[in-house]
Amino acid sequence: MTETSKQPHLIIKLISMNTKAINILYWVFTLLFAGLMIFSAVPNIMSNQQSIDVFHGFLGYPKYFIPFIGWAKLIGSVTILIPGLHKLKEWAYAGLFFDLFGATYSAIAASQGNIDPRMAGMLMWIIPGVLSYIFWAKKMKAESVK
């Protein structure tokens, strides 16, 4: 069998995943994404010096904004971990994505064209979030069919 003839089979396999595989992948990516977001939320909530240096010193945000964004990330992260809460979970995913894209945009704008390669690392945090959302949507679709 040639390499190109194997690819459609793989795509069909991914599309027709069973609910157990979807559920496992959903939880793996959701725990990873929520963990990353909580990891970044705690220093913001505590307004530690590194958060102040980044948010206030580099990005120019007011200091009162730092704990606010930290609490928003923490609440959104906890929300995506709680089963159910379908409509609220949609909002939580949206808020977490706005946070990541907004942080990336702010850092690019504040750097005035001198883009730090570490910013690509921040975009990498979006990948588990996107996969978590995709598998959550598949999970909801599979549950509605039952």
C-alpha atoms as a PDB file:
ATOM      1  CA  MET A   1       0.000   0.000   0.000  1.00  0.00           C
ATOM      2  CA  THR A   2       1.417   3.391  -0.924  1.00  0.00           C
ATOM      3  CA  GLU A   3       1.766   6.309   1.491  1.00  0.00           C
ATOM      4  CA  THR A   4      -0.980   8.339  -0.208  1.00  0.00           C
ATOM      5  CA  SER A   5      -3.475   5.479  -0.027  1.00  0.00           C
ATOM      6  CA  LYS A   6      -2.985   5.251   3.769  1.00  0.00           C
ATOM      7  CA  GLN A   7      -3.835   8.911   4.404  1.00  0.00           C
ATOM      8  CA  PRO A   8      -7.583   8.779   3.615  1.00  0.00           C
ATOM      9  CA  HIS A   9      -7.884   5.761   5.924  1.00  0.00           C
ATOM     10  CA  LEU A  10      -6.294   7.755   8.769  1.00  0.00           C
ATOM     11  CA  ILE A  11      -8.632  10.702   8.174  1.00  0.00           C
ATOM     12  CA  ILE A  12     -11.684   8.428   8.212  1.00  0.00           C
ATOM     13  CA  LYS A  13     -10.416   6.858  11.441  1.00  0.00           C
ATOM     14  CA  LEU A  14     -10.042  10.272  13.089  1.00  0.00           C
ATOM     15  CA  ILE A  15     -13.502  11.383  11.984  1.00  0.00           C
ATOM     16  CA  SER A  16     -15.209   8.228  13.215  1.00  0.00           C
ATOM     17  CA  MET A  17     -13.651   8.116  16.693  1.00  0.00           C
ATOM     18  CA  ASN A  18     -15.662   6.341  19.319  1.00  0.00           C
ATOM     19  CA  THR A  19     -17.038   8.242  22.285  1.00  0.00           C
ATOM     20  CA  LYS A  20     -14.497   6.766  24.696  1.00  0.00           C
ATOM     21  CA  ALA A  21     -11.566   8.073  22.614  1.00  0.00           C
ATOM     22  CA  ILE A  22     -13.249  11.466  22.227  1.00  0.00           C
ATOM     23  CA  ASN A  23     -13.837  11.670  25.971  1.00  0.00           C
ATOM     24  CA  ILE A  24     -10.228  10.729  26.792  1.00  0.00           C
ATOM     25  CA  LEU A  25      -8.784  13.232  24.320  1.00  0.00           C
ATOM     26  CA  TYR A  26     -11.175  15.918  25.572  1.00  0.00           C
ATOM     27  CA  TRP A  27      -9.992  15.480  29.163  1.00  0.00           C
ATOM     28  CA  VAL A  28      -6.306  15.273  28.242  1.00  0.00           C
ATOM     29  CA  PHE A  29      -6.395  18.523  26.267  1.00  0.00           C
ATOM     30  CA  THR A  30      -8.745  20.246  28.717  1.00  0.00           C
ATOM     31  CA  LEU A  31      -6.575  19.423  31.735  1.00  0.00           C
ATOM     32  CA  LEU A  32      -3.482  20.589  29.858  1.00  0.00           C
ATOM     33  CA  PHE A  33      -5.110  23.841  28.713  1.00  0.00           C
ATOM     34  CA  ALA A  34      -6.706  24.600  32.088  1.00  0.00           C
ATOM     35  CA  GLY A  35      -3.425  23.801  33.835  1.00  0.00           C
ATOM     36  CA  LEU A  36      -1.496  26.189  31.603  1.00  0.00           C
ATOM     37  CA  MET A  37      -4.050  28.941  32.123  1.00  0.00           C
ATOM     38  CA  ILE A  38      -4.167  28.434  35.916  1.00  0.00           C
ATOM     39  CA  PHE A  39      -0.360  28.394  35.956  1.00  0.00           C
ATOM     40  CA  SER A  40      -0.403  31.842  34.343  1.00  0.00           C
ATOM     41  CA  ALA A  41      -3.350  33.116  36.426  1.00  0.00           C
ATOM     42  CA  VAL A  42      -1.863  32.613  39.895  1.00  0.00           C
ATOM     43  CA  PRO A  43       1.040  35.110  39.512  1.00  0.00           C
ATOM     44  CA  ASN A  44      -1.441  37.638  38.089  1.00  0.00           C
ATOM     45  CA  ILE A  45      -3.813  37.213  41.033  1.00  0.00           C
ATOM     46  CA  MET A  46      -0.924  37.614  43.453  1.00  0.00           C
ATOM     47  CA  SER A  47       0.417  40.575  41.421  1.00  0.00           C
ATOM     48  CA  ASN A  48       3.970  39.336  41.824  1.00  0.00           C
ATOM     49  CA  GLN A  49       6.842  41.451  40.561  1.00  0.00           C
ATOM     50  CA  GLN A  50       7.224  39.514  37.305  1.00  0.00           C
ATOM     51  CA  SER A  51       3.537  40.078  36.452  1.00  0.00           C
ATOM     52  CA  ILE A  52       3.870  43.767  37.259  1.00  0.00           C
ATOM     53  CA  ASP A  53       7.013  44.019  35.117  1.00  0.00           C
ATOM     54  CA  VAL A  54       5.301  42.371  32.141  1.00  0.00           C
ATOM     55  CA  PHE A  55       1.777  43.800  32.356  1.00  0.00           C
ATOM     56  CA  HIS A  56       2.564  47.266  33.662  1.00  0.00           C
ATOM     57  CA  GLY A  57       6.199  47.816  32.741  1.00  0.00           C
ATOM     58  CA  PHE A  58       6.294  46.265  29.262  1.00  0.00           C
ATOM     59  CA  LEU A  59       2.672  46.255  28.084  1.00  0.00           C
ATOM     60  CA  GLY A  60       1.624  49.460  29.839  1.00  0.00           C
ATOM     61  CA  TYR A  61      -1.552  48.110  31.466  1.00  0.00           C
ATOM     62  CA  PRO A  62      -2.658  49.677  34.756  1.00  0.00           C
ATOM     63  CA  LYS A  63      -1.670  47.699  37.862  1.00  0.00           C
ATOM     64  CA  TYR A  64      -5.295  47.126  38.904  1.00  0.00           C
ATOM     65  CA  PHE A  65      -5.847  45.180  35.673  1.00  0.00           C
ATOM     66  CA  ILE A  66      -3.327  42.458  36.593  1.00  0.00           C
ATOM     67  CA  PRO A  67      -5.322  40.653  39.334  1.00  0.00           C
ATOM     68  CA  PHE A  68      -8.553  41.164  37.365  1.00  0.00           C
ATOM     69  CA  ILE A  69      -7.206  39.271  34.360  1.00  0.00           C
ATOM     70  CA  GLY A  70      -5.775  36.614  36.678  1.00  0.00           C
ATOM     71  CA  TRP A  71      -9.141  36.004  38.334  1.00  0.00           C
ATOM     72  CA  ALA A  72     -10.847  35.927  34.926  1.00  0.00           C
ATOM     73  CA  LYS A  73      -8.387  33.250  33.712  1.00  0.00           C
ATOM     74  CA  LEU A  74      -8.851  31.217  36.898  1.00  0.00           C
ATOM     75  CA  ILE A  75     -12.660  31.347  36.733  1.00  0.00           C
ATOM     76  CA  GLY A  76     -12.628  30.469  33.015  1.00  0.00           C
ATOM     77  CA  SER A  77     -10.245  27.574  33.619  1.00  0.00           C
ATOM     78  CA  VAL A  78     -12.346  26.154  36.443  1.00  0.00           C
ATOM     79  CA  THR A  79     -15.473  26.534  34.306  1.00  0.00           C
ATOM     80  CA  ILE A  80     -14.095  24.417  31.456  1.00  0.00           C
ATOM     81  CA  LEU A  81     -13.216  21.705  33.994  1.00  0.00           C
ATOM     82  CA  ILE A  82     -16.725  21.424  35.449  1.00  0.00           C
ATOM     83  CA  PRO A  83     -18.968  18.940  33.587  1.00  0.00           C
ATOM     84  CA  GLY A  84     -22.143  20.480  32.216  1.00  0.00           C
ATOM     85  CA  LEU A  85     -22.472  24.274  32.149  1.00  0.00           C
ATOM     86  CA  HIS A  86     -22.686  24.182  28.349  1.00  0.00           C
ATOM     87  CA  LYS A  87     -23.461  27.850  27.652  1.00  0.00           C
ATOM     88  CA  LEU A  88     -21.098  29.095  30.370  1.00  0.00           C
ATOM     89  CA  LYS A  89     -18.365  26.818  29.025  1.00  0.00           C
ATOM     90  CA  GLU A  90     -18.698  28.430  25.579  1.00  0.00           C
ATOM     91  CA  TRP A  91     -18.145  31.833  27.187  1.00  0.00           C
ATOM     92  CA  ALA A  92     -15.196  30.532  29.205  1.00  0.00           C
ATOM     93  CA  TYR A  93     -13.464  29.172  26.099  1.00  0.00           C
ATOM     94  CA  ALA A  94     -14.070  32.470  24.312  1.00  0.00           C
ATOM     95  CA  GLY A  95     -12.681  34.478  27.222  1.00  0.00           C
ATOM     96  CA  LEU A  96      -9.569  32.322  27.507  1.00  0.00           C
ATOM     97  CA  PHE A  97      -8.912  32.619  23.763  1.00  0.00           C
ATOM     98  CA  PHE A  98      -9.444  36.399  23.919  1.00  0.00           C
ATOM     99  CA  ASP A  99      -6.897  36.505  26.732  1.00  0.00           C
ATOM    100  CA  LEU A 100      -4.283  34.579  24.763  1.00  0.00           C
ATOM    101  CA  PHE A 101      -4.796  36.433  21.487  1.00  0.00           C
ATOM    102  CA  GLY A 102      -4.984  39.773  23.309  1.00  0.00           C
ATOM    103  CA  ALA A 103      -1.757  39.064  25.192  1.00  0.00           C
ATOM    104  CA  THR A 104      -0.027  38.071  21.978  1.00  0.00           C
ATOM    105  CA  TYR A 105      -1.281  41.164  20.149  1.00  0.00           C
ATOM    106  CA  SER A 106      -0.338  43.441  23.054  1.00  0.00           C
ATOM    107  CA  ALA A 107       3.172  42.029  23.219  1.00  0.00           C
ATOM    108  CA  ILE A 108       3.674  42.453  19.468  1.00  0.00           C
ATOM    109  CA  ALA A 109       2.316  46.017  19.579  1.00  0.00           C
ATOM    110  CA  ALA A 110       4.420  46.947  22.617  1.00  0.00           C
ATOM    111  CA  SER A 111       7.592  45.534  21.078  1.00  0.00           C
ATOM    112  CA  GLN A 112       7.333  48.066  18.210  1.00  0.00           C
ATOM    113  CA  GLY A 113       8.415  45.651  15.524  1.00  0.00           C
ATOM    114  CA  ASN A 114      11.091  43.857  17.573  1.00  0.00           C
ATOM    115  CA  ILE A 115       9.106  40.668  17.964  1.00  0.00           C
ATOM    116  CA  ASP A 116      10.451  38.416  20.670  1.00  0.00           C
ATOM    117  CA  PRO A 117      10.621  34.774  19.460  1.00  0.00           C
ATOM    118  CA  ARG A 118       9.202  33.741  22.846  1.00  0.00           C
ATOM    119  CA  MET A 119       5.858  35.126  21.663  1.00  0.00           C
ATOM    120  CA  ALA A 120       5.534  32.071  19.434  1.00  0.00           C
ATOM    121  CA  GLY A 121       5.629  30.053  22.645  1.00  0.00           C
ATOM    122  CA  MET A 122       2.562  31.892  23.889  1.00  0.00           C
ATOM    123  CA  LEU A 123       0.701  30.986  20.732  1.00  0.00           C
ATOM    124  CA  MET A 124       1.574  27.345  21.447  1.00  0.00           C
ATOM    125  CA  TRP A 125      -0.678  27.559  24.531  1.00  0.00           C
ATOM    126  CA  ILE A 126      -3.594  28.040  22.184  1.00  0.00           C
ATOM    127  CA  ILE A 127      -3.156  24.587  20.604  1.00  0.00           C
ATOM    128  CA  PRO A 128      -4.351  22.539  23.616  1.00  0.00           C
ATOM    129  CA  GLY A 129      -7.210  25.029  24.006  1.00  0.00           C
ATOM    130  CA  VAL A 130      -8.336  24.597  20.414  1.00  0.00           C
ATOM    131  CA  LEU A 131      -8.089  20.809  20.705  1.00  0.00           C
ATOM    132  CA  SER A 132      -9.975  20.882  24.012  1.00  0.00           C
ATOM    133  CA  TYR A 133     -12.764  22.897  22.397  1.00  0.00           C
ATOM    134  CA  ILE A 134     -12.901  20.651  19.315  1.00  0.00           C
ATOM    135  CA  PHE A 135     -13.176  17.501  21.408  1.00  0.00           C
ATOM    136  CA  TRP A 136     -15.705  19.152  23.743  1.00  0.00           C
ATOM    137  CA  ALA A 137     -17.881  19.934  20.699  1.00  0.00           C
ATOM    138  CA  LYS A 138     -17.491  16.328  19.459  1.00  0.00           C
ATOM    139  CA  LYS A 139     -18.346  15.074  22.941  1.00  0.00           C
ATOM    140  CA  MET A 140     -21.505  17.232  23.064  1.00  0.00           C
ATOM    141  CA  LYS A 141     -22.539  16.038  19.605  1.00  0.00           C
ATOM    142  CA  ALA A 142     -22.010  12.389  20.549  1.00  0.00           C
ATOM    143  CA  GLU A 143     -24.009  12.854  23.776  1.00  0.00           C
ATOM    144  CA  SER A 144     -26.896  14.488  21.924  1.00  0.00           C
ATOM    145  CA  VAL A 145     -27.106  11.537  19.514  1.00  0.00           C
ATOM    146  CA  LYS A 146     -27.527   9.011  22.343  1.00  0.00           C
END
